């Protein structure tokens, strides 16, 4: 899976509320960590520091040697103090990663020393070693590339739920989405393709947009265009032979959220799961009154709180198995842990539409 060097990073690919996010023990690190002592601009408040020695895990905990950790937009929102759940300070950054179990407490079941695990929805993954609740771990296929393993517990699972929880989609139905070159968007394309669901994929206007369009088509996207093109008569002709979408997925907000709502069929559902543009969603009243469009939202943490950790772990394992078997491609851009600033920059700039990952070991 390891391909070429890109900048200072390596490119990899794999065909590949009450129940709150687990928090890593404050005693649970050995080596290095990316930390913050106050909320604010990640460029100003994050630092790469020595971490305190780890303690032996308690009965319900496990000690994990971290191999890789994903860099998610929500990670930055947490550092900024703008997320739905915030840690006590000081804190270690990151909410998703993968590593090798080094030691398990006497009460931990289903996990053993040597297992490759996803540290699913754990606050504080940008570090070299951690002691975590055993219930937060999902055992993954042993041969799964660590950098890919670090990404399977949030984006692919979100894509699965978006396609399952807002109506019964069938082969031939159409989904429209903005931010389609995000990793959630790429997973939506691939999962939809496997079910015969067609996708209209809209990306923000950006340099080298042609590469993102071709990437989405190669993954199975039926139509992929920029936001500006999606506002032209030519775009209306392009989608003219498709049924109107039953589902619109919004991770951008602003005008793009309005654009995809206008494409929905009567009774269609508009689902927001992100707000990358930081602009408010404005939908015409006529769409809701005369066409029966309904608006919804999805947050993975809420889904887990309502459905339980066991069901969530099943989905993480499913995503990992698909990546391991080549049924799901997760394109990764890996940086060393100490190069977290560059990883954040690449994530915010969507470099090559790849998932930024911190390679810890």
Foldseek 3Di string as FASTA:
>chain_A
DWDDDDDQWTWDKFLFPVPAQWEFDLQWAAAWFWKFFAAAQCVPGTDIDGGHHHDAAAQQKFKWFFFKAFDDPVQNCQSNVNDPDHDDPTFTTGQKFWTFTCGHHNNAPPDDGGFIWIQHRYGHRLGRMTMTGSLSIFGFPNPFDRQRLRPLQPQLLVLVCQQPPFDDDAAQAEEEEEPLLASNNLSNQLVCQVRNYAYAYEYADDPPVVLSQVVSVVSRHPHYYYPVVLPDPVVCVVCVVGDQHQEYEYAAADPVLQSNLVSHAQLHEYEYEHHLNPYHHDYDPCSCPVRVYYYYYDDVRVVCVVPHSVVSSVSSRVNSVSSNVSSHMAIEIEDASNVVVVLVVCVNNCVSSHTYMHGHD
